[in-house]
Amino acid sequence: MISTRGIFEILVASVGATRRVAPTEKENRMYGFSTGWNIRRHARLRDALEEIQQFGFEQVEVTGLNESQMREAVVLQQGGGSPRIVGVHSFCPLPPVEREASFGDQLDLASLDDTERNLALDYSKRTIDFAAELGARVVVVHLGSVKVEYVPMTIYRWLTTYGGDTDEYRSQLDGLLQERSRRSAPHFDAAMRSLSELETHARDCKVSVGVENRYMYYQIPNREELGTILAEFGPDTVVGYWHDVGHAYVNRMLGVEDQTIVPDGIKSRMIGIHIHDVMMDSTVRPPKIDHRAPSTGIVDFVRERENVGDGALKIVELRREVRSDDVRKGLDYLRSIRF
């Protein structure tokens, strides 16, 4: 019997590299920074970018922009502004929904509700159009979720109560994973239909689409689904993989699956990575907190260097609570280890 990992590697073994603009040697040594860290603090995009520039970043990924900030971004880039916008994280503009979620999860590309899925498609295509107007290389997308009966914080409560290496914890977690498996097929089909439309639109716009690995077990794609995606979209494609370092570590620590080792077949399809650390802190909830500054948590970034595909964009993506001093410390650390 072939393992899930074995299936995954077979699916991607014969798939060529994602088509993208080749980076320069200087770009390969450069880190970018996500406006997710500070965009909520600034009405003007210019002010957010100036705050980011104090750390020496020459590239940025923009996310969470409203229409006014998007217009400002176009003017700044067309005027040769710095830092250069190399990526856009969907959704830009933010959709008019009231949902407590990260920027990329406010609409669901895997929804079985056609109204929501079509709205998610519309805002994703608008994000691609925006990236093309900026001359950005890639749009990072969240493909959506499998609808499950999950109460927020449940896994973390089990982890605290039982411990992650116990039979009790494994039994509870396996029940969640089995439910996801039973319910996944229609949602994954919807996600693939959405991605097919986005691939066509992005190809016309000459923009790559980076499918990101996600934080929670019910989100798409898991590793097997990623293999199917990369096999389905052949060698002449603008669809590739966006690797989130922190999400991979969280999935491994929770026992969901180990995404911290990226096979060579996936590295050849890697468009970029989100760089952040994961902190173990029992005084906060949830007790495992990602999007922390590199070197302040438990991620082995020396080991993680082996996961970075040639030419992949390197975007530091931090939560808004991270202090400026820790941003500087994290960047100095990445440079010191030649990440």
C-alpha atoms as a PDB file:
ATOM      1  CA  MET A   1       0.000   0.000   0.000  1.00  0.00           C
ATOM      2  CA  ILE A   2       1.369   3.414  -0.972  1.00  0.00           C
ATOM      3  CA  SER A   3       1.491   6.015   1.802  1.00  0.00           C
ATOM      4  CA  THR A   4      -0.097   9.442   1.453  1.00  0.00           C
ATOM      5  CA  ARG A   5       3.370  10.906   1.096  1.00  0.00           C
ATOM      6  CA  GLY A   6       4.166   8.361  -1.600  1.00  0.00           C
ATOM      7  CA  ILE A   7       1.028   9.272  -3.540  1.00  0.00           C
ATOM      8  CA  PHE A   8       1.944  12.930  -3.183  1.00  0.00           C
ATOM      9  CA  GLU A   9       5.433  12.452  -4.595  1.00  0.00           C
ATOM     10  CA  ILE A  10       4.177  10.304  -7.490  1.00  0.00           C
ATOM     11  CA  LEU A  11       1.637  12.971  -8.406  1.00  0.00           C
ATOM     12  CA  VAL A  12       4.259  15.693  -8.677  1.00  0.00           C
ATOM     13  CA  ALA A  13       7.256  13.746  -9.962  1.00  0.00           C
ATOM     14  CA  SER A  14       6.558  14.321 -13.634  1.00  0.00           C
ATOM     15  CA  VAL A  15       5.164  17.842 -13.394  1.00  0.00           C
ATOM     16  CA  GLY A  16       7.311  20.652 -14.777  1.00  0.00           C
ATOM     17  CA  ALA A  17       8.137  23.934 -13.140  1.00  0.00           C
ATOM     18  CA  THR A  18       5.500  26.603 -12.779  1.00  0.00           C
ATOM     19  CA  ARG A  19       5.904  29.283 -15.421  1.00  0.00           C
ATOM     20  CA  ARG A  20       7.025  32.563 -13.865  1.00  0.00           C
ATOM     21  CA  VAL A  21       9.302  35.515 -14.489  1.00  0.00           C
ATOM     22  CA  ALA A  22      12.875  34.576 -13.624  1.00  0.00           C
ATOM     23  CA  PRO A  23      14.229  36.555 -10.657  1.00  0.00           C
ATOM     24  CA  THR A  24      17.527  38.392 -10.810  1.00  0.00           C
ATOM     25  CA  GLU A  25      20.490  37.360  -8.654  1.00  0.00           C
ATOM     26  CA  LYS A  26      19.873  40.358  -6.396  1.00  0.00           C
ATOM     27  CA  GLU A  27      16.218  39.358  -5.929  1.00  0.00           C
ATOM     28  CA  ASN A  28      17.295  35.885  -4.833  1.00  0.00           C
ATOM     29  CA  ARG A  29      19.162  37.463  -1.898  1.00  0.00           C
ATOM     30  CA  MET A  30      16.348  39.812  -0.969  1.00  0.00           C
ATOM     31  CA  TYR A  31      13.594  39.564   1.621  1.00  0.00           C
ATOM     32  CA  GLY A  32      10.186  41.143   1.230  1.00  0.00           C
ATOM     33  CA  PHE A  33       7.719  42.134   3.924  1.00  0.00           C
ATOM     34  CA  SER A  34       3.949  41.848   4.167  1.00  0.00           C
ATOM     35  CA  THR A  35       1.777  44.859   4.883  1.00  0.00           C
ATOM     36  CA  GLY A  36      -0.331  42.536   7.024  1.00  0.00           C
ATOM     37  CA  TRP A  37       1.896  43.716   9.888  1.00  0.00           C
ATOM     38  CA  ASN A  38       0.901  47.366   9.761  1.00  0.00           C
ATOM     39  CA  ILE A  39      -1.789  48.152   7.163  1.00  0.00           C
ATOM     40  CA  ARG A  40      -4.483  48.370   9.852  1.00  0.00           C
ATOM     41  CA  ARG A  41      -2.529  51.184  11.529  1.00  0.00           C
ATOM     42  CA  HIS A  42      -2.393  53.435   8.474  1.00  0.00           C
ATOM     43  CA  ALA A  43      -5.030  55.081   6.321  1.00  0.00           C
ATOM     44  CA  ARG A  44      -2.433  55.843   3.626  1.00  0.00           C
ATOM     45  CA  LEU A  45      -0.441  53.054   2.025  1.00  0.00           C
ATOM     46  CA  ARG A  46       2.524  55.408   1.694  1.00  0.00           C
ATOM     47  CA  ASP A  47       2.774  55.649   5.488  1.00  0.00           C
ATOM     48  CA  ALA A  48       2.673  51.857   5.854  1.00  0.00           C
ATOM     49  CA  LEU A  49       5.429  51.433   3.253  1.00  0.00           C
ATOM     50  CA  GLU A  50       7.604  54.103   4.877  1.00  0.00           C
ATOM     51  CA  GLU A  51       7.328  52.290   8.200  1.00  0.00           C
ATOM     52  CA  ILE A  52       8.382  49.047   6.507  1.00  0.00           C
ATOM     53  CA  GLN A  53      11.319  50.719   4.753  1.00  0.00           C
ATOM     54  CA  GLN A  54      12.935  51.589   8.078  1.00  0.00           C
ATOM     55  CA  PHE A  55      13.969  47.930   8.307  1.00  0.00           C
ATOM     56  CA  GLY A  56      15.661  47.987   4.907  1.00  0.00           C
ATOM     57  CA  PHE A  57      13.094  45.969   2.975  1.00  0.00           C
ATOM     58  CA  GLU A  58      13.150  46.692  -0.758  1.00  0.00           C
ATOM     59  CA  GLN A  59      10.218  44.425  -1.664  1.00  0.00           C
ATOM     60  CA  VAL A  60       6.727  44.100  -0.217  1.00  0.00           C
ATOM     61  CA  GLU A  61       3.661  41.915  -0.487  1.00  0.00           C
ATOM     62  CA  VAL A  62       0.507  43.973  -0.079  1.00  0.00           C
ATOM     63  CA  THR A  63      -2.592  42.588   1.592  1.00  0.00           C
ATOM     64  CA  GLY A  64      -5.745  43.950   3.156  1.00  0.00           C
ATOM     65  CA  LEU A  65      -5.930  47.079   1.005  1.00  0.00           C
ATOM     66  CA  ASN A  66      -9.076  49.076   0.412  1.00  0.00           C
ATOM     67  CA  GLU A  67      -9.899  50.753  -2.909  1.00  0.00           C
ATOM     68  CA  SER A  68      -8.205  54.025  -1.946  1.00  0.00           C
ATOM     69  CA  GLN A  69      -4.992  52.286  -0.907  1.00  0.00           C
ATOM     70  CA  MET A  70      -5.016  50.266  -4.125  1.00  0.00           C
ATOM     71  CA  ARG A  71      -5.197  53.416  -6.243  1.00  0.00           C
ATOM     72  CA  GLU A  72      -2.362  54.844  -4.191  1.00  0.00           C
ATOM     73  CA  ALA A  73      -0.300  51.684  -4.761  1.00  0.00           C
ATOM     74  CA  VAL A  74      -0.646  51.987  -8.540  1.00  0.00           C
ATOM     75  CA  VAL A  75       0.467  55.628  -8.493  1.00  0.00           C
ATOM     76  CA  LEU A  76       3.442  54.828  -6.265  1.00  0.00           C
ATOM     77  CA  GLN A  77       4.599  51.919  -8.418  1.00  0.00           C
ATOM     78  CA  GLN A  78       4.134  53.717 -11.710  1.00  0.00           C
ATOM     79  CA  GLY A  79       6.203  56.550 -10.277  1.00  0.00           C
ATOM     80  CA  GLY A  80       9.076  54.181  -9.535  1.00  0.00           C
ATOM     81  CA  GLY A  81       8.313  54.143  -5.840  1.00  0.00           C
ATOM     82  CA  SER A  82      10.211  52.054  -3.315  1.00  0.00           C
ATOM     83  CA  PRO A  83       9.827  49.471  -1.892  1.00  0.00           C
ATOM     84  CA  ARG A  84       8.698  47.547  -4.942  1.00  0.00           C
ATOM     85  CA  ILE A  85       5.451  45.591  -4.729  1.00  0.00           C
ATOM     86  CA  VAL A  86       6.279  42.069  -5.918  1.00  0.00           C
ATOM     87  CA  GLY A  87       3.223  40.204  -4.636  1.00  0.00           C
ATOM     88  CA  VAL A  88      -0.412  40.678  -3.690  1.00  0.00           C
ATOM     89  CA  HIS A  89      -2.224  38.529  -1.143  1.00  0.00           C
ATOM     90  CA  SER A  90      -5.886  38.009  -1.955  1.00  0.00           C
ATOM     91  CA  PHE A  91      -8.192  39.724  -1.287  1.00  0.00           C
ATOM     92  CA  CYS A  92      -7.436  43.213  -2.604  1.00  0.00           C
ATOM     93  CA  PRO A  93      -9.775  44.998  -2.338  1.00  0.00           C
ATOM     94  CA  LEU A  94     -11.254  43.601   0.836  1.00  0.00           C
ATOM     95  CA  PRO A  95     -14.737  42.207   0.192  1.00  0.00           C
ATOM     96  CA  PRO A  96     -17.742  43.852   1.880  1.00  0.00           C
ATOM     97  CA  VAL A  97     -18.348  41.052   4.386  1.00  0.00           C
ATOM     98  CA  GLU A  98     -18.396  41.059   8.162  1.00  0.00           C
ATOM     99  CA  ARG A  99     -16.427  37.967   9.110  1.00  0.00           C
ATOM    100  CA  GLU A 100     -13.788  37.486  11.781  1.00  0.00           C
ATOM    101  CA  ALA A 101     -11.094  35.997   9.580  1.00  0.00           C
ATOM    102  CA  SER A 102      -7.708  36.704   8.053  1.00  0.00           C
ATOM    103  CA  PHE A 103      -7.673  38.810   4.891  1.00  0.00           C
ATOM    104  CA  GLY A 104      -7.574  35.750   2.625  1.00  0.00           C
ATOM    105  CA  ASP A 105     -10.364  33.854   4.393  1.00  0.00           C
ATOM    106  CA  GLN A 106     -13.162  36.410   4.226  1.00  0.00           C
ATOM    107  CA  LEU A 107     -14.671  34.588   1.249  1.00  0.00           C
ATOM    108  CA  ASP A 108     -14.444  30.877   0.439  1.00  0.00           C
ATOM    109  CA  LEU A 109     -13.390  29.571  -2.980  1.00  0.00           C
ATOM    110  CA  ALA A 110     -14.440  26.055  -1.897  1.00  0.00           C
ATOM    111  CA  SER A 111     -17.907  27.014  -0.721  1.00  0.00           C
ATOM    112  CA  LEU A 112     -20.856  24.892  -1.829  1.00  0.00           C
ATOM    113  CA  ASP A 113     -22.928  28.077  -1.801  1.00  0.00           C
ATOM    114  CA  ASP A 114     -22.611  29.342  -5.381  1.00  0.00           C
ATOM    115  CA  THR A 115     -23.313  32.915  -4.322  1.00  0.00           C
ATOM    116  CA  GLU A 116     -20.335  32.977  -1.969  1.00  0.00           C
ATOM    117  CA  ARG A 117     -18.032  31.054  -4.293  1.00  0.00           C
ATOM    118  CA  ASN A 118     -18.825  33.364  -7.204  1.00  0.00           C
ATOM    119  CA  LEU A 119     -18.205  36.396  -5.012  1.00  0.00           C
ATOM    120  CA  ALA A 120     -14.894  34.879  -3.921  1.00  0.00           C
ATOM    121  CA  LEU A 121     -14.014  34.333  -7.583  1.00  0.00           C
ATOM    122  CA  ASP A 122     -14.919  37.906  -8.455  1.00  0.00           C
ATOM    123  CA  TYR A 123     -12.736  39.378  -5.706  1.00  0.00           C
ATOM    124  CA  SER A 124      -9.900  36.982  -6.514  1.00  0.00           C
ATOM    125  CA  LYS A 125      -9.973  38.065 -10.159  1.00  0.00           C
ATOM    126  CA  ARG A 126     -10.004  41.697  -9.101  1.00  0.00           C
ATOM    127  CA  THR A 127      -6.926  40.946  -7.005  1.00  0.00           C
ATOM    128  CA  ILE A 128      -5.216  39.421 -10.042  1.00  0.00           C
ATOM    129  CA  ASP A 129      -6.118  42.466 -12.135  1.00  0.00           C
ATOM    130  CA  PHE A 130      -4.620  44.690  -9.437  1.00  0.00           C
ATOM    131  CA  ALA A 131      -1.409  42.652  -9.368  1.00  0.00           C
ATOM    132  CA  ALA A 132      -1.118  42.931 -13.150  1.00  0.00           C
ATOM    133  CA  GLU A 133      -1.587  46.689 -12.999  1.00  0.00           C
ATOM    134  CA  LEU A 134       1.187  46.908 -10.403  1.00  0.00           C
ATOM    135  CA  GLY A 135       3.495  44.635 -12.365  1.00  0.00           C
ATOM    136  CA  ALA A 136       3.604  42.230  -9.394  1.00  0.00           C
ATOM    137  CA  ARG A 137       4.756  38.654  -9.963  1.00  0.00           C
ATOM    138  CA  VAL A 138       2.248  36.674  -7.941  1.00  0.00           C
ATOM    139  CA  VAL A 139      -1.106  36.578  -6.185  1.00  0.00           C
ATOM    140  CA  VAL A 140      -1.248  34.384  -3.075  1.00  0.00           C
ATOM    141  CA  VAL A 141      -4.606  32.668  -2.582  1.00  0.00           C
ATOM    142  CA  HIS A 142      -6.372  30.675   0.128  1.00  0.00           C
ATOM    143  CA  LEU A 143      -8.410  27.969  -1.572  1.00  0.00           C
ATOM    144  CA  GLY A 144     -11.068  27.698   1.131  1.00  0.00           C
ATOM    145  CA  SER A 145     -12.232  25.105   3.635  1.00  0.00           C
ATOM    146  CA  VAL A 146     -14.061  21.850   4.133  1.00  0.00           C
ATOM    147  CA  LYS A 147     -17.184  22.579   6.183  1.00  0.00           C
ATOM    148  CA  VAL A 148     -16.890  20.609   9.424  1.00  0.00           C
ATOM    149  CA  GLU A 149     -18.446  20.719  12.876  1.00  0.00           C
ATOM    150  CA  TYR A 150     -15.469  22.267  14.634  1.00  0.00           C
ATOM    151  CA  VAL A 151     -15.637  24.484  17.712  1.00  0.00           C
ATOM    152  CA  PRO A 152     -12.761  27.000  17.721  1.00  0.00           C
ATOM    153  CA  MET A 153      -9.930  26.197  20.143  1.00  0.00           C
ATOM    154  CA  THR A 154     -10.962  22.543  20.541  1.00  0.00           C
ATOM    155  CA  ILE A 155      -7.630  21.098  19.369  1.00  0.00           C
ATOM    156  CA  TYR A 156      -5.698  23.426  21.640  1.00  0.00           C
ATOM    157  CA  ARG A 157      -7.826  22.476  24.640  1.00  0.00           C
ATOM    158  CA  TRP A 158      -7.167  18.787  23.930  1.00  0.00           C
ATOM    159  CA  LEU A 159      -3.470  19.515  23.546  1.00  0.00           C
ATOM    160  CA  THR A 160      -3.383  21.259  26.910  1.00  0.00           C
ATOM    161  CA  THR A 161      -5.526  18.624  28.616  1.00  0.00           C
ATOM    162  CA  TYR A 162      -3.978  15.416  27.260  1.00  0.00           C
ATOM    163  CA  GLY A 163      -0.617  16.337  25.735  1.00  0.00           C
ATOM    164  CA  GLY A 164       0.146  15.913  22.056  1.00  0.00           C
ATOM    165  CA  ASP A 165       1.925  12.554  22.402  1.00  0.00           C
ATOM    166  CA  THR A 166      -0.913  10.721  24.172  1.00  0.00           C
ATOM    167  CA  ASP A 167      -3.378   8.160  22.860  1.00  0.00           C
ATOM    168  CA  GLU A 168      -6.226  10.305  24.148  1.00  0.00           C
ATOM    169  CA  TYR A 169      -5.148  13.295  22.054  1.00  0.00           C
ATOM    170  CA  ARG A 170      -4.501  11.191  18.956  1.00  0.00           C
ATOM    171  CA  SER A 171      -7.908   9.548  19.212  1.00  0.00           C
ATOM    172  CA  GLN A 172      -9.700  12.900  19.441  1.00  0.00           C
ATOM    173  CA  LEU A 173      -7.697  14.409  16.574  1.00  0.00           C
ATOM    174  CA  ASP A 174      -8.228  11.362  14.364  1.00  0.00           C
ATOM    175  CA  GLY A 175     -11.979  11.848  14.753  1.00  0.00           C
ATOM    176  CA  LEU A 176     -11.664  15.372  13.336  1.00  0.00           C
ATOM    177  CA  LEU A 177      -9.473  14.228  10.454  1.00  0.00           C
ATOM    178  CA  GLN A 178     -11.884  11.429   9.576  1.00  0.00           C
ATOM    179  CA  GLU A 179     -14.784  13.872   9.467  1.00  0.00           C
ATOM    180  CA  ARG A 180     -12.755  16.139   7.154  1.00  0.00           C
ATOM    181  CA  SER A 181     -12.041  13.182   4.895  1.00  0.00           C
ATOM    182  CA  ARG A 182     -15.736  12.246   4.693  1.00  0.00           C
ATOM    183  CA  ARG A 183     -16.800  15.778   3.794  1.00  0.00           C
ATOM    184  CA  SER A 184     -13.890  16.939   1.644  1.00  0.00           C
ATOM    185  CA  ALA A 185     -14.784  15.768  -1.886  1.00  0.00           C
ATOM    186  CA  PRO A 186     -17.437  18.359  -2.876  1.00  0.00           C
ATOM    187  CA  HIS A 187     -15.460  21.209  -1.342  1.00  0.00           C
ATOM    188  CA  PHE A 188     -12.242  20.159  -3.074  1.00  0.00           C
ATOM    189  CA  ASP A 189     -14.122  19.882  -6.375  1.00  0.00           C
ATOM    190  CA  ALA A 190     -15.446  23.424  -5.856  1.00  0.00           C
ATOM    191  CA  ALA A 191     -11.938  24.660  -5.041  1.00  0.00           C
ATOM    192  CA  MET A 192     -10.568  23.074  -8.223  1.00  0.00           C
ATOM    193  CA  ARG A 193     -13.278  24.687 -10.349  1.00  0.00           C
ATOM    194  CA  SER A 194     -12.431  28.023  -8.778  1.00  0.00           C
ATOM    195  CA  LEU A 195      -8.717  27.550  -9.322  1.00  0.00           C
ATOM    196  CA  SER A 196      -9.283  26.625 -12.974  1.00  0.00           C
ATOM    197  CA  GLU A 197     -11.049  29.941 -13.556  1.00  0.00           C
ATOM    198  CA  LEU A 198      -8.343  31.838 -11.706  1.00  0.00           C
ATOM    199  CA  GLU A 199      -5.598  30.093 -13.700  1.00  0.00           C
ATOM    200  CA  THR A 200      -7.179  31.197 -16.972  1.00  0.00           C
ATOM    201  CA  HIS A 201      -7.609  34.764 -15.745  1.00  0.00           C
ATOM    202  CA  ALA A 202      -4.082  34.951 -14.296  1.00  0.00           C
ATOM    203  CA  ARG A 203      -2.532  33.512 -17.454  1.00  0.00           C
ATOM    204  CA  ASP A 204      -4.158  36.278 -19.496  1.00  0.00           C
ATOM    205  CA  CYS A 205      -2.842  38.827 -16.975  1.00  0.00           C
ATOM    206  CA  LYS A 206       0.661  37.280 -16.916  1.00  0.00           C
ATOM    207  CA  VAL A 207       0.502  36.805 -13.141  1.00  0.00           C
ATOM    208  CA  SER A 208       1.335  33.652 -11.165  1.00  0.00           C
ATOM    209  CA  VAL A 209      -1.062  32.145  -8.609  1.00  0.00           C
ATOM    210  CA  GLY A 210       0.475  30.791  -5.414  1.00  0.00           C
ATOM    211  CA  VAL A 211      -1.671  28.218  -3.590  1.00  0.00           C
ATOM    212  CA  GLU A 212      -0.789  28.500   0.093  1.00  0.00           C
ATOM    213  CA  ASN A 213      -0.643  25.707   2.670  1.00  0.00           C
ATOM    214  CA  ARG A 214      -2.974  26.644   5.506  1.00  0.00           C
ATOM    215  CA  TYR A 215      -3.124  26.816   9.284  1.00  0.00           C
ATOM    216  CA  MET A 216      -6.123  24.631  10.246  1.00  0.00           C
ATOM    217  CA  TYR A 217      -6.747  20.963   9.460  1.00  0.00           C
ATOM    218  CA  TYR A 218     -10.036  21.638   7.643  1.00  0.00           C
ATOM    219  CA  GLN A 219      -8.537  24.172   5.238  1.00  0.00           C
ATOM    220  CA  ILE A 220      -7.574  23.299   1.654  1.00  0.00           C
ATOM    221  CA  PRO A 221      -5.101  22.024   0.548  1.00  0.00           C
ATOM    222  CA  ASN A 222      -3.683  19.316   2.738  1.00  0.00           C
ATOM    223  CA  ARG A 223      -0.592  17.626   1.350  1.00  0.00           C
ATOM    224  CA  GLU A 224      -2.425  15.038  -0.741  1.00  0.00           C
ATOM    225  CA  GLU A 225      -4.722  17.710  -2.197  1.00  0.00           C
ATOM    226  CA  LEU A 226      -1.704  19.848  -3.060  1.00  0.00           C
ATOM    227  CA  GLY A 227      -0.262  16.937  -5.016  1.00  0.00           C
ATOM    228  CA  THR A 228      -3.511  16.624  -6.954  1.00  0.00           C
ATOM    229  CA  ILE A 229      -3.530  20.362  -7.695  1.00  0.00           C
ATOM    230  CA  LEU A 230       0.020  20.403  -9.021  1.00  0.00           C
ATOM    231  CA  ALA A 231      -0.572  17.290 -11.107  1.00  0.00           C
ATOM    232  CA  GLU A 232      -3.821  18.660 -12.538  1.00  0.00           C
ATOM    233  CA  PHE A 233      -2.244  21.927 -13.649  1.00  0.00           C
ATOM    234  CA  GLY A 234       0.481  20.773 -16.002  1.00  0.00           C
ATOM    235  CA  PRO A 235       3.965  22.036 -16.834  1.00  0.00           C
ATOM    236  CA  ASP A 236       2.811  25.101 -18.786  1.00  0.00           C
ATOM    237  CA  THR A 237       0.903  26.749 -15.955  1.00  0.00           C
ATOM    238  CA  VAL A 238       0.851  29.855 -13.812  1.00  0.00           C
ATOM    239  CA  VAL A 239      -0.347  27.879 -10.772  1.00  0.00           C
ATOM    240  CA  GLY A 240       2.305  26.990  -8.211  1.00  0.00           C
ATOM    241  CA  TYR A 241       2.894  26.418  -4.529  1.00  0.00           C
ATOM    242  CA  TRP A 242       3.255  29.076  -1.841  1.00  0.00           C
ATOM    243  CA  HIS A 243       4.928  27.608   1.243  1.00  0.00           C
ATOM    244  CA  ASP A 244       4.098  29.076   4.643  1.00  0.00           C
ATOM    245  CA  VAL A 245       6.804  28.083   7.108  1.00  0.00           C
ATOM    246  CA  GLY A 246       4.790  28.752  10.257  1.00  0.00           C
ATOM    247  CA  HIS A 247       1.672  26.961   9.031  1.00  0.00           C
ATOM    248  CA  ALA A 248       3.782  23.897   8.222  1.00  0.00           C
ATOM    249  CA  TYR A 249       5.204  23.835  11.748  1.00  0.00           C
ATOM    250  CA  VAL A 250       1.797  24.247  13.371  1.00  0.00           C
ATOM    251  CA  ASN A 251       0.414  21.306  11.380  1.00  0.00           C
ATOM    252  CA  ARG A 252       3.357  19.144  12.433  1.00  0.00           C
ATOM    253  CA  MET A 253       3.121  20.119  16.100  1.00  0.00           C
ATOM    254  CA  LEU A 254      -0.610  19.471  16.213  1.00  0.00           C
ATOM    255  CA  GLY A 255      -0.077  16.051  14.652  1.00  0.00           C
ATOM    256  CA  VAL A 256      -2.211  16.835  11.599  1.00  0.00           C
ATOM    257  CA  GLU A 257       0.543  16.122   9.051  1.00  0.00           C
ATOM    258  CA  ASP A 258       4.199  16.970   8.579  1.00  0.00           C
ATOM    259  CA  GLN A 259       4.500  19.714   5.982  1.00  0.00           C
ATOM    260  CA  THR A 260       7.954  20.819   7.162  1.00  0.00           C
ATOM    261  CA  ILE A 261       9.820  18.702   4.606  1.00  0.00           C
ATOM    262  CA  VAL A 262       9.184  19.874   1.042  1.00  0.00           C
ATOM    263  CA  PRO A 263      10.011  17.240  -1.628  1.00  0.00           C
ATOM    264  CA  ASP A 264      12.127  18.301  -4.600  1.00  0.00           C
ATOM    265  CA  GLY A 265       9.133  17.960  -6.909  1.00  0.00           C
ATOM    266  CA  ILE A 266       7.320  20.630  -4.929  1.00  0.00           C
ATOM    267  CA  LYS A 267      10.325  22.951  -4.675  1.00  0.00           C
ATOM    268  CA  SER A 268      10.392  23.113  -8.471  1.00  0.00           C
ATOM    269  CA  ARG A 269       6.828  24.486  -8.316  1.00  0.00           C
ATOM    270  CA  MET A 270       7.429  26.873  -5.409  1.00  0.00           C
ATOM    271  CA  ILE A 271       6.696  30.505  -6.206  1.00  0.00           C
ATOM    272  CA  GLY A 272       7.377  31.931  -2.773  1.00  0.00           C
ATOM    273  CA  ILE A 273       7.338  31.481   0.977  1.00  0.00           C
ATOM    274  CA  HIS A 274       5.925  33.245   4.004  1.00  0.00           C
ATOM    275  CA  ILE A 275       8.548  33.448   6.729  1.00  0.00           C
ATOM    276  CA  HIS A 276       7.529  33.612  10.380  1.00  0.00           C
ATOM    277  CA  ASP A 277       8.157  31.848  13.650  1.00  0.00           C
ATOM    278  CA  VAL A 278       5.915  29.846  15.971  1.00  0.00           C
ATOM    279  CA  MET A 279       5.964  30.591  19.694  1.00  0.00           C
ATOM    280  CA  MET A 280       4.986  28.206  22.458  1.00  0.00           C
ATOM    281  CA  ASP A 281       3.302  30.284  25.156  1.00  0.00           C
ATOM    282  CA  SER A 282       0.848  28.805  27.647  1.00  0.00           C
ATOM    283  CA  THR A 283      -0.204  32.275  28.841  1.00  0.00           C
ATOM    284  CA  VAL A 284      -1.950  33.144  25.577  1.00  0.00           C
ATOM    285  CA  ARG A 285      -4.703  31.495  23.556  1.00  0.00           C
ATOM    286  CA  PRO A 286      -4.232  29.638  21.347  1.00  0.00           C
ATOM    287  CA  PRO A 287      -1.060  28.352  23.037  1.00  0.00           C
ATOM    288  CA  LYS A 288       0.772  27.947  19.712  1.00  0.00           C
ATOM    289  CA  ILE A 289       1.064  31.345  18.097  1.00  0.00           C
ATOM    290  CA  ASP A 290       2.442  31.816  14.591  1.00  0.00           C
ATOM    291  CA  HIS A 291       3.441  34.907  12.609  1.00  0.00           C
ATOM    292  CA  ARG A 292       6.093  35.811  15.162  1.00  0.00           C
ATOM    293  CA  ALA A 293       9.487  37.257  14.276  1.00  0.00           C
ATOM    294  CA  PRO A 294      12.114  34.720  13.149  1.00  0.00           C
ATOM    295  CA  SER A 295      14.444  33.602  15.992  1.00  0.00           C
ATOM    296  CA  THR A 296      11.820  34.276  18.692  1.00  0.00           C
ATOM    297  CA  GLY A 297      10.143  30.865  18.494  1.00  0.00           C
ATOM    298  CA  ILE A 298      10.768  27.194  17.755  1.00  0.00           C
ATOM    299  CA  VAL A 299      11.143  27.050  13.946  1.00  0.00           C
ATOM    300  CA  ASP A 300      14.502  25.661  12.805  1.00  0.00           C
ATOM    301  CA  PHE A 301      15.292  28.159  10.068  1.00  0.00           C
ATOM    302  CA  VAL A 302      18.683  26.593   9.334  1.00  0.00           C
ATOM    303  CA  ARG A 303      16.832  23.398   8.409  1.00  0.00           C
ATOM    304  CA  GLU A 304      14.158  25.388   6.611  1.00  0.00           C
ATOM    305  CA  ARG A 305      16.724  26.702   4.139  1.00  0.00           C
ATOM    306  CA  GLU A 306      16.538  23.296   2.456  1.00  0.00           C
ATOM    307  CA  ASN A 307      12.837  23.837   1.707  1.00  0.00           C
ATOM    308  CA  VAL A 308      13.242  27.017  -0.337  1.00  0.00           C
ATOM    309  CA  GLY A 309      12.826  26.562  -4.075  1.00  0.00           C
ATOM    310  CA  ASP A 310      15.157  28.310  -6.512  1.00  0.00           C
ATOM    311  CA  GLY A 311      13.919  31.815  -7.251  1.00  0.00           C
ATOM    312  CA  ALA A 312      11.158  31.700  -4.630  1.00  0.00           C
ATOM    313  CA  LEU A 313      10.092  35.048  -3.244  1.00  0.00           C
ATOM    314  CA  LYS A 314      10.888  35.330   0.469  1.00  0.00           C
ATOM    315  CA  ILE A 315       8.225  37.332   2.298  1.00  0.00           C
ATOM    316  CA  VAL A 316       8.402  37.965   6.042  1.00  0.00           C
ATOM    317  CA  GLU A 317       4.784  37.864   7.241  1.00  0.00           C
ATOM    318  CA  LEU A 318       4.216  38.935  10.852  1.00  0.00           C
ATOM    319  CA  ARG A 319       1.204  39.589  13.028  1.00  0.00           C
ATOM    320  CA  ARG A 320       0.500  43.176  14.005  1.00  0.00           C
ATOM    321  CA  GLU A 321       1.442  42.608  17.672  1.00  0.00           C
ATOM    322  CA  VAL A 322       5.125  41.989  16.799  1.00  0.00           C
ATOM    323  CA  ARG A 323       7.328  44.830  18.041  1.00  0.00           C
ATOM    324  CA  SER A 324       9.663  46.750  15.757  1.00  0.00           C
ATOM    325  CA  ASP A 325      12.700  45.576  17.730  1.00  0.00           C
ATOM    326  CA  ASP A 326      11.725  41.970  17.086  1.00  0.00           C
ATOM    327  CA  VAL A 327      11.240  42.681  13.369  1.00  0.00           C
ATOM    328  CA  ARG A 328      14.829  43.939  13.232  1.00  0.00           C
ATOM    329  CA  LYS A 329      16.077  40.998  15.272  1.00  0.00           C
ATOM    330  CA  GLY A 330      14.336  38.546  12.972  1.00  0.00           C
ATOM    331  CA  LEU A 331      15.710  40.117   9.810  1.00  0.00           C
ATOM    332  CA  ASP A 332      19.249  40.220  11.231  1.00  0.00           C
ATOM    333  CA  TYR A 333      18.935  36.550  12.125  1.00  0.00           C
ATOM    334  CA  LEU A 334      17.774  35.530   8.652  1.00  0.00           C
ATOM    335  CA  ARG A 335      20.695  37.390   7.112  1.00  0.00           C
ATOM    336  CA  SER A 336      23.161  35.860   9.588  1.00  0.00           C
ATOM    337  CA  ILE A 337      22.214  32.306   8.563  1.00  0.00           C
ATOM    338  CA  ARG A 338      21.915  33.211   4.863  1.00  0.00           C
ATOM    339  CA  PHE A 339      18.321  32.009   4.750  1.00  0.00           C
END
